[in-house]
């Protein structure tokens, strides 16, 4: 399960540059529902799924907020992408995090 989540986040996810959130994108809403359930098994809480239009096509995403979720994601899942992993590590040590533990 960890490997599946990690691979999907490497391809379809990102960590915001300022470390406010970890986001997962997908064209298929049902797939995101499944990934939210998988993350819950690791104690990681995901925000509700949202929709937006990109070139007249529906796209879906959800975010992970809270430093506690970032720490769990770092420990349990992580990234193989060095850029994403570095951003995640920075997000786990931010002081005065606006959505703190």
PDB file of N, CA and C in Angstrom:
ATOM      1  N   UNK A   1       0.816  -1.193   0.000  1.00  0.00           N
ATOM      2  CA  UNK A   1       0.000   0.000   0.000  1.00  0.00           C
ATOM      3  C   UNK A   1       0.860   1.257   0.000  1.00  0.00           C
ATOM      4  N   UNK A   2       1.941   1.226   0.812  1.00  0.00           N
ATOM      5  CA  UNK A   2       2.842   2.381   0.860  1.00  0.00           C
ATOM      6  C   UNK A   2       3.420   2.675  -0.513  1.00  0.00           C
ATOM      7  N   UNK A   3       3.864   1.627  -1.166  1.00  0.00           N
ATOM      8  CA  UNK A   3       4.476   1.793  -2.479  1.00  0.00           C
ATOM      9  C   UNK A   3       3.507   2.345  -3.506  1.00  0.00           C
ATOM     10  N   UNK A   4       2.277   1.877  -3.463  1.00  0.00           N
ATOM     11  CA  UNK A   4       1.250   2.375  -4.378  1.00  0.00           C
ATOM     12  C   UNK A   4       0.987   3.858  -4.139  1.00  0.00           C
ATOM     13  N   UNK A   5       0.817   4.234  -2.879  1.00  0.00           N
ATOM     14  CA  UNK A   5       0.567   5.641  -2.549  1.00  0.00           C
ATOM     15  C   UNK A   5       1.758   6.498  -2.967  1.00  0.00           C
ATOM     16  N   UNK A   6       2.973   6.046  -2.635  1.00  0.00           N
ATOM     17  CA  UNK A   6       4.178   6.798  -2.984  1.00  0.00           C
ATOM     18  C   UNK A   6       4.289   6.987  -4.493  1.00  0.00           C
ATOM     19  N   UNK A   7       4.071   5.924  -5.258  1.00  0.00           N
ATOM     20  CA  UNK A   7       4.173   6.017  -6.717  1.00  0.00           C
ATOM     21  C   UNK A   7       3.138   6.989  -7.285  1.00  0.00           C
ATOM     22  N   UNK A   8       1.931   6.924  -6.764  1.00  0.00           N
ATOM     23  CA  UNK A   8       0.870   7.802  -7.260  1.00  0.00           C
ATOM     24  C   UNK A   8       1.165   9.258  -6.925  1.00  0.00           C
ATOM     25  N   UNK A   9       1.634   9.521  -5.705  1.00  0.00           N
ATOM     26  CA  UNK A   9       1.999  10.890  -5.331  1.00  0.00           C
ATOM     27  C   UNK A   9       3.199  11.389  -6.126  1.00  0.00           C
ATOM     28  N   UNK A  10       4.130  10.515  -6.455  1.00  0.00           N
ATOM     29  CA  UNK A  10       5.265  10.939  -7.281  1.00  0.00           C
ATOM     30  C   UNK A  10       4.810  11.408  -8.652  1.00  0.00           C
ATOM     31  N   UNK A  11       3.798  10.735  -9.200  1.00  0.00           N
ATOM     32  CA  UNK A  11       3.305  11.085 -10.539  1.00  0.00           C
ATOM     33  C   UNK A  11       2.223  12.149 -10.536  1.00  0.00           C
ATOM     34  N   UNK A  12       1.302  12.079  -9.593  1.00  0.00           N
ATOM     35  CA  UNK A  12       0.103  12.917  -9.632  1.00  0.00           C
ATOM     36  C   UNK A  12      -0.009  13.889  -8.458  1.00  0.00           C
ATOM     37  N   UNK A  13       1.030  14.016  -7.673  1.00  0.00           N
ATOM     38  CA  UNK A  13       0.960  14.869  -6.496  1.00  0.00           C
ATOM     39  C   UNK A  13       2.044  15.919  -6.454  1.00  0.00           C
ATOM     40  N   UNK A  14       1.924  16.815  -5.482  1.00  0.00           N
ATOM     41  CA  UNK A  14       2.975  17.797  -5.256  1.00  0.00           C
ATOM     42  C   UNK A  14       2.907  18.312  -3.823  1.00  0.00           C
ATOM     43  N   UNK A  15       3.983  18.958  -3.416  1.00  0.00           N
ATOM     44  CA  UNK A  15       4.045  19.668  -2.148  1.00  0.00           C
ATOM     45  C   UNK A  15       4.164  21.142  -2.528  1.00  0.00           C
ATOM     46  N   UNK A  16       3.313  21.974  -1.954  1.00  0.00           N
ATOM     47  CA  UNK A  16       3.365  23.393  -2.304  1.00  0.00           C
ATOM     48  C   UNK A  16       4.740  23.974  -1.964  1.00  0.00           C
ATOM     49  N   UNK A  17       5.145  24.962  -2.723  1.00  0.00           N
ATOM     50  CA  UNK A  17       6.468  25.569  -2.515  1.00  0.00           C
ATOM     51  C   UNK A  17       6.628  26.163  -1.125  1.00  0.00           C
ATOM     52  N   UNK A  18       5.539  26.679  -0.579  1.00  0.00           N
ATOM     53  CA  UNK A  18       5.625  27.274   0.760  1.00  0.00           C
ATOM     54  C   UNK A  18       5.323  26.273   1.876  1.00  0.00           C
ATOM     55  N   UNK A  19       5.054  25.016   1.512  1.00  0.00           N
ATOM     56  CA  UNK A  19       4.856  23.969   2.512  1.00  0.00           C
ATOM     57  C   UNK A  19       3.506  23.978   3.200  1.00  0.00           C
ATOM     58  N   UNK A  20       2.508  24.627   2.594  1.00  0.00           N
ATOM     59  CA  UNK A  20       1.177  24.688   3.204  1.00  0.00           C
ATOM     60  C   UNK A  20       0.369  23.410   3.037  1.00  0.00           C
ATOM     61  N   UNK A  21       0.617  22.668   1.982  1.00  0.00           N
ATOM     62  CA  UNK A  21      -0.188  21.479   1.715  1.00  0.00           C
ATOM     63  C   UNK A  21       0.556  20.490   0.831  1.00  0.00           C
ATOM     64  N   UNK A  22       0.059  19.262   0.863  1.00  0.00           N
ATOM     65  CA  UNK A  22       0.451  18.209  -0.074  1.00  0.00           C
ATOM     66  C   UNK A  22      -0.807  17.925  -0.877  1.00  0.00           C
ATOM     67  N   UNK A  23      -0.711  17.920  -2.205  1.00  0.00           N
ATOM     68  CA  UNK A  23      -1.902  17.797  -3.058  1.00  0.00           C
ATOM     69  C   UNK A  23      -1.781  16.570  -3.960  1.00  0.00           C
ATOM     70  N   UNK A  24      -2.928  15.934  -4.195  1.00  0.00           N
ATOM     71  CA  UNK A  24      -3.018  14.822  -5.141  1.00  0.00           C
ATOM     72  C   UNK A  24      -4.077  15.158  -6.184  1.00  0.00           C
ATOM     73  N   UNK A  25      -3.711  15.065  -7.464  1.00  0.00           N
ATOM     74  CA  UNK A  25      -4.588  15.377  -8.594  1.00  0.00           C
ATOM     75  C   UNK A  25      -5.002  14.101  -9.305  1.00  0.00           C
ATOM     76  N   UNK A  26      -6.167  14.139  -9.967  1.00  0.00           N
ATOM     77  CA  UNK A  26      -6.596  12.995 -10.771  1.00  0.00           C
ATOM     78  C   UNK A  26      -7.836  13.380 -11.559  1.00  0.00           C
ATOM     79  N   UNK A  27      -7.986  12.795 -12.758  1.00  0.00           N
ATOM     80  CA  UNK A  27      -9.182  13.019 -13.572  1.00  0.00           C
ATOM     81  C   UNK A  27     -10.360  12.190 -13.076  1.00  0.00           C
ATOM     82  N   UNK A  28     -10.073  11.123 -12.355  1.00  0.00           N
ATOM     83  CA  UNK A  28     -11.105  10.195 -11.892  1.00  0.00           C
ATOM     84  C   UNK A  28     -11.344  10.385 -10.391  1.00  0.00           C
ATOM     85  N   UNK A  29     -12.503  10.912 -10.056  1.00  0.00           N
ATOM     86  CA  UNK A  29     -12.854  11.164  -8.661  1.00  0.00           C
ATOM     87  C   UNK A  29     -12.813   9.887  -7.820  1.00  0.00           C
ATOM     88  N   UNK A  30     -13.270   8.781  -8.357  1.00  0.00           N
ATOM     89  CA  UNK A  30     -13.318   7.514  -7.613  1.00  0.00           C
ATOM     90  C   UNK A  30     -11.933   7.066  -7.159  1.00  0.00           C
ATOM     91  N   UNK A  31     -10.941   7.302  -7.984  1.00  0.00           N
ATOM     92  CA  UNK A  31      -9.570   6.936  -7.610  1.00  0.00           C
ATOM     93  C   UNK A  31      -9.125   7.745  -6.397  1.00  0.00           C
ATOM     94  N   UNK A  32      -9.461   9.036  -6.385  1.00  0.00           N
ATOM     95  CA  UNK A  32      -9.094   9.856  -5.239  1.00  0.00           C
ATOM     96  C   UNK A  32      -9.805   9.410  -3.968  1.00  0.00           C
ATOM     97  N   UNK A  33     -11.045   8.993  -4.094  1.00  0.00           N
ATOM     98  CA  UNK A  33     -11.767   8.468  -2.925  1.00  0.00           C
ATOM     99  C   UNK A  33     -11.007   7.277  -2.346  1.00  0.00           C
ATOM    100  N   UNK A  34     -10.542   6.402  -3.211  1.00  0.00           N
ATOM    101  CA  UNK A  34      -9.775   5.240  -2.766  1.00  0.00           C
ATOM    102  C   UNK A  34      -8.475   5.629  -2.081  1.00  0.00           C
ATOM    103  N   UNK A  35      -7.782   6.632  -2.619  1.00  0.00           N
ATOM    104  CA  UNK A  35      -6.530   7.065  -2.005  1.00  0.00           C
ATOM    105  C   UNK A  35      -6.760   7.757  -0.667  1.00  0.00           C
ATOM    106  N   UNK A  36      -7.858   8.484  -0.533  1.00  0.00           N
ATOM    107  CA  UNK A  36      -8.189   9.083   0.773  1.00  0.00           C
ATOM    108  C   UNK A  36      -8.387   7.979   1.809  1.00  0.00           C
ATOM    109  N   UNK A  37      -9.054   6.882   1.400  1.00  0.00           N
ATOM    110  CA  UNK A  37      -9.267   5.753   2.314  1.00  0.00           C
ATOM    111  C   UNK A  37      -7.946   5.091   2.692  1.00  0.00           C
ATOM    112  N   UNK A  38      -7.059   4.928   1.713  1.00  0.00           N
ATOM    113  CA  UNK A  38      -5.745   4.334   1.994  1.00  0.00           C
ATOM    114  C   UNK A  38      -4.948   5.193   2.974  1.00  0.00           C
ATOM    115  N   UNK A  39      -4.956   6.499   2.759  1.00  0.00           N
ATOM    116  CA  UNK A  39      -4.228   7.396   3.659  1.00  0.00           C
ATOM    117  C   UNK A  39      -4.773   7.308   5.081  1.00  0.00           C
ATOM    118  N   UNK A  40      -6.080   7.164   5.197  1.00  0.00           N
ATOM    119  CA  UNK A  40      -6.721   7.057   6.513  1.00  0.00           C
ATOM    120  C   UNK A  40      -6.183   5.843   7.278  1.00  0.00           C
ATOM    121  N   UNK A  41      -5.855   4.765   6.562  1.00  0.00           N
ATOM    122  CA  UNK A  41      -5.292   3.570   7.200  1.00  0.00           C
ATOM    123  C   UNK A  41      -3.951   3.862   7.870  1.00  0.00           C
ATOM    124  N   UNK A  42      -3.263   4.902   7.402  1.00  0.00           N
ATOM    125  CA  UNK A  42      -1.988   5.310   7.988  1.00  0.00           C
ATOM    126  C   UNK A  42      -2.164   6.467   8.975  1.00  0.00           C
ATOM    127  N   UNK A  43      -3.415   6.803   9.268  1.00  0.00           N
ATOM    128  CA  UNK A  43      -3.693   7.877  10.209  1.00  0.00           C
ATOM    129  C   UNK A  43      -3.523   9.266   9.625  1.00  0.00           C
ATOM    130  N   UNK A  44      -3.560   9.361   8.299  1.00  0.00           N
ATOM    131  CA  UNK A  44      -3.387  10.644   7.608  1.00  0.00           C
ATOM    132  C   UNK A  44      -4.756  11.141   7.163  1.00  0.00           C
ATOM    133  N   UNK A  45      -5.123  12.332   7.626  1.00  0.00           N
ATOM    134  CA  UNK A  45      -6.424  12.923   7.325  1.00  0.00           C
ATOM    135  C   UNK A  45      -6.331  13.801   6.075  1.00  0.00           C
ATOM    136  N   UNK A  46      -7.194  13.540   5.116  1.00  0.00           N
ATOM    137  CA  UNK A  46      -7.233  14.331   3.883  1.00  0.00           C
ATOM    138  C   UNK A  46      -8.445  15.250   3.887  1.00  0.00           C
ATOM    139  N   UNK A  47      -8.268  16.417   3.290  1.00  0.00           N
ATOM    140  CA  UNK A  47      -9.375  17.364   3.129  1.00  0.00           C
ATOM    141  C   UNK A  47     -10.347  16.806   2.086  1.00  0.00           C
ATOM    142  N   UNK A  48     -11.555  17.357   2.013  1.00  0.00           N
ATOM    143  CA  UNK A  48     -12.522  16.902   1.005  1.00  0.00           C
ATOM    144  C   UNK A  48     -11.998  17.069  -0.428  1.00  0.00           C
ATOM    145  N   UNK A  49     -12.495  16.225  -1.297  1.00  0.00           N
ATOM    146  CA  UNK A  49     -12.130  16.287  -2.716  1.00  0.00           C
ATOM    147  C   UNK A  49     -12.823  17.484  -3.355  1.00  0.00           C
ATOM    148  N   UNK A  50     -12.066  18.208  -4.168  1.00  0.00           N
ATOM    149  CA  UNK A  50     -12.600  19.369  -4.874  1.00  0.00           C
ATOM    150  C   UNK A  50     -12.424  19.171  -6.374  1.00  0.00           C
ATOM    151  N   UNK A  51     -13.236  19.896  -7.152  1.00  0.00           N
ATOM    152  CA  UNK A  51     -13.194  19.796  -8.609  1.00  0.00           C
ATOM    153  C   UNK A  51     -12.878  21.157  -9.205  1.00  0.00           C
ATOM    154  N   UNK A  52     -12.163  21.153 -10.328  1.00  0.00           N
ATOM    155  CA  UNK A  52     -11.921  22.364 -11.104  1.00  0.00           C
ATOM    156  C   UNK A  52     -11.878  21.984 -12.577  1.00  0.00           C
ATOM    157  N   UNK A  53     -11.962  22.965 -13.441  1.00  0.00           N
ATOM    158  CA  UNK A  53     -11.890  22.715 -14.879  1.00  0.00           C
ATOM    159  C   UNK A  53     -10.520  23.114 -15.405  1.00  0.00           C
ATOM    160  N   UNK A  54      -9.949  22.252 -16.221  1.00  0.00           N
ATOM    161  CA  UNK A  54      -8.683  22.548 -16.888  1.00  0.00           C
ATOM    162  C   UNK A  54      -8.881  22.202 -18.358  1.00  0.00           C
ATOM    163  N   UNK A  55      -8.860  23.226 -19.206  1.00  0.00           N
ATOM    164  CA  UNK A  55      -9.105  23.041 -20.637  1.00  0.00           C
ATOM    165  C   UNK A  55     -10.430  22.320 -20.872  1.00  0.00           C
ATOM    166  N   UNK A  56     -11.460  22.779 -20.187  1.00  0.00           N
ATOM    167  CA  UNK A  56     -12.819  22.232 -20.287  1.00  0.00           C
ATOM    168  C   UNK A  56     -12.938  20.777 -19.844  1.00  0.00           C
ATOM    169  N   UNK A  57     -11.982  20.314 -19.076  1.00  0.00           N
ATOM    170  CA  UNK A  57     -12.019  18.941 -18.569  1.00  0.00           C
ATOM    171  C   UNK A  57     -12.048  18.981 -17.041  1.00  0.00           C
ATOM    172  N   UNK A  58     -12.909  18.170 -16.457  1.00  0.00           N
ATOM    173  CA  UNK A  58     -12.980  18.104 -14.999  1.00  0.00           C
ATOM    174  C   UNK A  58     -11.726  17.439 -14.449  1.00  0.00           C
ATOM    175  N   UNK A  59     -11.161  18.085 -13.432  1.00  0.00           N
ATOM    176  CA  UNK A  59     -10.027  17.541 -12.694  1.00  0.00           C
ATOM    177  C   UNK A  59     -10.397  17.580 -11.217  1.00  0.00           C
ATOM    178  N   UNK A  60      -9.885  16.640 -10.465  1.00  0.00           N
ATOM    179  CA  UNK A  60     -10.184  16.546  -9.047  1.00  0.00           C
ATOM    180  C   UNK A  60      -8.886  16.558  -8.250  1.00  0.00           C
ATOM    181  N   UNK A  61      -8.989  16.997  -7.009  1.00  0.00           N
ATOM    182  CA  UNK A  61      -7.820  16.985  -6.131  1.00  0.00           C
ATOM    183  C   UNK A  61      -8.273  17.021  -4.678  1.00  0.00           C
ATOM    184  N   UNK A  62      -7.361  16.632  -3.817  1.00  0.00           N
ATOM    185  CA  UNK A  62      -7.536  16.881  -2.391  1.00  0.00           C
ATOM    186  C   UNK A  62      -6.186  17.231  -1.805  1.00  0.00           C
ATOM    187  N   UNK A  63      -6.232  17.924  -0.689  1.00  0.00           N
ATOM    188  CA  UNK A  63      -5.011  18.355  -0.013  1.00  0.00           C
ATOM    189  C   UNK A  63      -4.862  17.667   1.331  1.00  0.00           C
ATOM    190  N   UNK A  64      -3.633  17.584   1.764  1.00  0.00           N
ATOM    191  CA  UNK A  64      -3.306  17.217   3.131  1.00  0.00           C
ATOM    192  C   UNK A  64      -2.814  18.488   3.799  1.00  0.00           C
ATOM    193  N   UNK A  65      -3.365  18.796   4.944  1.00  0.00           N
ATOM    194  CA  UNK A  65      -2.935  19.935   5.741  1.00  0.00           C
ATOM    195  C   UNK A  65      -2.449  19.415   7.083  1.00  0.00           C
ATOM    196  N   UNK A  66      -1.961  20.253   7.897  1.00  0.00           N
ATOM    197  CA  UNK A  66      -1.522  19.999   9.275  1.00  0.00           C
ATOM    198  C   UNK A  66      -0.139  19.355   9.315  1.00  0.00           C
ATOM    199  N   UNK A  67       0.664  19.919  10.145  1.00  0.00           N
ATOM    200  CA  UNK A  67       2.023  19.418  10.323  1.00  0.00           C
ATOM    201  C   UNK A  67       2.017  17.940  10.739  1.00  0.00           C
ATOM    202  N   UNK A  68       1.060  17.555  11.568  1.00  0.00           N
ATOM    203  CA  UNK A  68       1.004  16.160  12.019  1.00  0.00           C
ATOM    204  C   UNK A  68       0.800  15.211  10.834  1.00  0.00           C
ATOM    205  N   UNK A  69      -0.015  15.608   9.845  1.00  0.00           N
ATOM    206  CA  UNK A  69      -0.194  14.790   8.638  1.00  0.00           C
ATOM    207  C   UNK A  69       1.085  14.730   7.810  1.00  0.00           C
ATOM    208  N   UNK A  70       1.800  15.851   7.743  1.00  0.00           N
ATOM    209  CA  UNK A  70       3.055  15.888   6.983  1.00  0.00           C
ATOM    210  C   UNK A  70       4.087  14.947   7.606  1.00  0.00           C
ATOM    211  N   UNK A  71       4.146  14.961   8.924  1.00  0.00           N
ATOM    212  CA  UNK A  71       5.101  14.087   9.626  1.00  0.00           C
ATOM    213  C   UNK A  71       4.755  12.620   9.370  1.00  0.00           C
ATOM    214  N   UNK A  72       3.466  12.269   9.474  1.00  0.00           N
ATOM    215  CA  UNK A  72       3.047  10.889   9.208  1.00  0.00           C
ATOM    216  C   UNK A  72       3.321  10.510   7.760  1.00  0.00           C
ATOM    217  N   UNK A  73       3.024  11.416   6.816  1.00  0.00           N
ATOM    218  CA  UNK A  73       3.264  11.130   5.408  1.00  0.00           C
ATOM    219  C   UNK A  73       4.755  10.911   5.170  1.00  0.00           C
ATOM    220  N   UNK A  74       5.586  11.739   5.761  1.00  0.00           N
ATOM    221  CA  UNK A  74       7.035  11.608   5.622  1.00  0.00           C
ATOM    222  C   UNK A  74       7.515  10.266   6.166  1.00  0.00           C
ATOM    223  N   UNK A  75       7.011   9.889   7.340  1.00  0.00           N
ATOM    224  CA  UNK A  75       7.438   8.646   7.991  1.00  0.00           C
ATOM    225  C   UNK A  75       6.889   7.406   7.291  1.00  0.00           C
ATOM    226  N   UNK A  76       5.616   7.430   6.915  1.00  0.00           N
ATOM    227  CA  UNK A  76       4.946   6.234   6.401  1.00  0.00           C
ATOM    228  C   UNK A  76       5.005   6.081   4.881  1.00  0.00           C
ATOM    229  N   UNK A  77       5.032   7.187   4.141  1.00  0.00           N
ATOM    230  CA  UNK A  77       4.917   7.126   2.681  1.00  0.00           C
ATOM    231  C   UNK A  77       6.162   7.700   2.003  1.00  0.00           C
ATOM    232  N   UNK A  78       6.359   8.997   2.124  1.00  0.00           N
ATOM    233  CA  UNK A  78       7.494   9.671   1.506  1.00  0.00           C
ATOM    234  C   UNK A  78       7.359   9.800  -0.004  1.00  0.00           C
ATOM    235  N   UNK A  79       8.407  10.290  -0.617  1.00  0.00           N
ATOM    236  CA  UNK A  79       8.500  10.444  -2.073  1.00  0.00           C
ATOM    237  C   UNK A  79       9.809   9.848  -2.555  1.00  0.00           C
ATOM    238  N   UNK A  80       9.863   9.427  -3.805  1.00  0.00           N
ATOM    239  CA  UNK A  80      11.146   9.090  -4.413  1.00  0.00           C
ATOM    240  C   UNK A  80      11.704  10.306  -5.144  1.00  0.00           C
ATOM    241  N   UNK A  81      10.846  11.249  -5.498  1.00  0.00           N
ATOM    242  CA  UNK A  81      11.272  12.510  -6.119  1.00  0.00           C
ATOM    243  C   UNK A  81      12.047  13.325  -5.085  1.00  0.00           C
ATOM    244  N   UNK A  82      13.283  13.686  -5.413  1.00  0.00           N
ATOM    245  CA  UNK A  82      14.107  14.450  -4.474  1.00  0.00           C
ATOM    246  C   UNK A  82      13.520  15.833  -4.199  1.00  0.00           C
ATOM    247  N   UNK A  83      13.009  16.488  -5.224  1.00  0.00           N
ATOM    248  CA  UNK A  83      12.427  17.828  -5.045  1.00  0.00           C
ATOM    249  C   UNK A  83      11.233  17.758  -4.102  1.00  0.00           C
ATOM    250  N   UNK A  84      10.332  16.816  -4.348  1.00  0.00           N
ATOM    251  CA  UNK A  84       9.145  16.681  -3.500  1.00  0.00           C
ATOM    252  C   UNK A  84       9.536  16.275  -2.081  1.00  0.00           C
ATOM    253  N   UNK A  85      10.511  15.398  -1.956  1.00  0.00           N
ATOM    254  CA  UNK A  85      10.943  14.949  -0.625  1.00  0.00           C
ATOM    255  C   UNK A  85      11.568  16.106   0.151  1.00  0.00           C
ATOM    256  N   UNK A  86      12.372  16.933  -0.516  1.00  0.00           N
ATOM    257  CA  UNK A  86      12.970  18.089   0.162  1.00  0.00           C
ATOM    258  C   UNK A  86      11.902  19.071   0.628  1.00  0.00           C
ATOM    259  N   UNK A  87      10.903  19.319  -0.202  1.00  0.00           N
ATOM    260  CA  UNK A  87       9.811  20.204   0.202  1.00  0.00           C
ATOM    261  C   UNK A  87       9.043  19.624   1.387  1.00  0.00           C
ATOM    262  N   UNK A  88       8.817  18.309   1.357  1.00  0.00           N
ATOM    263  CA  UNK A  88       8.110  17.659   2.459  1.00  0.00           C
ATOM    264  C   UNK A  88       8.898  17.787   3.752  1.00  0.00           C
ATOM    265  N   UNK A  89      10.188  17.536   3.687  1.00  0.00           N
ATOM    266  CA  UNK A  89      11.017  17.638   4.894  1.00  0.00           C
ATOM    267  C   UNK A  89      10.990  19.054   5.462  1.00  0.00           C
ATOM    268  N   UNK A  90      11.050  20.052   4.583  1.00  0.00           N
ATOM    269  CA  UNK A  90      10.962  21.442   5.047  1.00  0.00           C
ATOM    270  C   UNK A  90       9.609  21.709   5.694  1.00  0.00           C
ATOM    271  N   UNK A  91       8.546  21.168   5.123  1.00  0.00           N
ATOM    272  CA  UNK A  91       7.199  21.388   5.667  1.00  0.00           C
ATOM    273  C   UNK A  91       7.031  20.752   7.043  1.00  0.00           C
ATOM    274  N   UNK A  92       7.781  19.702   7.328  1.00  0.00           N
ATOM    275  CA  UNK A  92       7.636  19.032   8.626  1.00  0.00           C
ATOM    276  C   UNK A  92       8.368  19.770   9.749  1.00  0.00           C
ATOM    277  N   UNK A  93       9.226  20.735   9.403  1.00  0.00           N
ATOM    278  CA  UNK A  93       9.973  21.452  10.441  1.00  0.00           C
ATOM    279  C   UNK A  93       9.602  22.927  10.523  1.00  0.00           C
ATOM    280  N   UNK A  94       8.624  23.363   9.755  1.00  0.00           N
ATOM    281  CA  UNK A  94       8.211  24.767   9.787  1.00  0.00           C
ATOM    282  C   UNK A  94       7.690  25.117  11.181  1.00  0.00           C
ATOM    283  N   UNK A  95       8.183  26.194  11.708  1.00  0.00           N
ATOM    284  CA  UNK A  95       7.719  26.689  13.015  1.00  0.00           C
ATOM    285  C   UNK A  95       6.472  27.540  12.797  1.00  0.00           C
ATOM    286  N   UNK A  96       5.619  27.615  13.801  1.00  0.00           N
ATOM    287  CA  UNK A  96       4.400  28.420  13.746  1.00  0.00           C
ATOM    288  C   UNK A  96       3.552  28.075  12.531  1.00  0.00           C
ATOM    289  N   UNK A  97       3.444  26.826  12.238  1.00  0.00           N
ATOM    290  CA  UNK A  97       2.681  26.346  11.090  1.00  0.00           C
ATOM    291  C   UNK A  97       1.216  26.736  11.256  1.00  0.00           C
ATOM    292  N   UNK A  98       0.615  27.325  10.220  1.00  0.00           N
ATOM    293  CA  UNK A  98      -0.739  27.881  10.366  1.00  0.00           C
ATOM    294  C   UNK A  98      -1.801  26.821  10.651  1.00  0.00           C
ATOM    295  N   UNK A  99      -1.605  25.608  10.203  1.00  0.00           N
ATOM    296  CA  UNK A  99      -2.549  24.510  10.478  1.00  0.00           C
ATOM    297  C   UNK A  99      -1.850  23.499  11.359  1.00  0.00           C
ATOM    298  N   UNK A 100      -1.359  23.953  12.489  1.00  0.00           N
ATOM    299  CA  UNK A 100      -0.495  23.127  13.317  1.00  0.00           C
ATOM    300  C   UNK A 100      -1.201  21.869  13.815  1.00  0.00           C
ATOM    301  N   UNK A 101      -0.408  21.055  14.434  1.00  0.00           N
ATOM    302  CA  UNK A 101      -0.828  19.753  14.904  1.00  0.00           C
ATOM    303  C   UNK A 101      -2.190  19.825  15.532  1.00  0.00           C
TER     304      UNK A 101
END
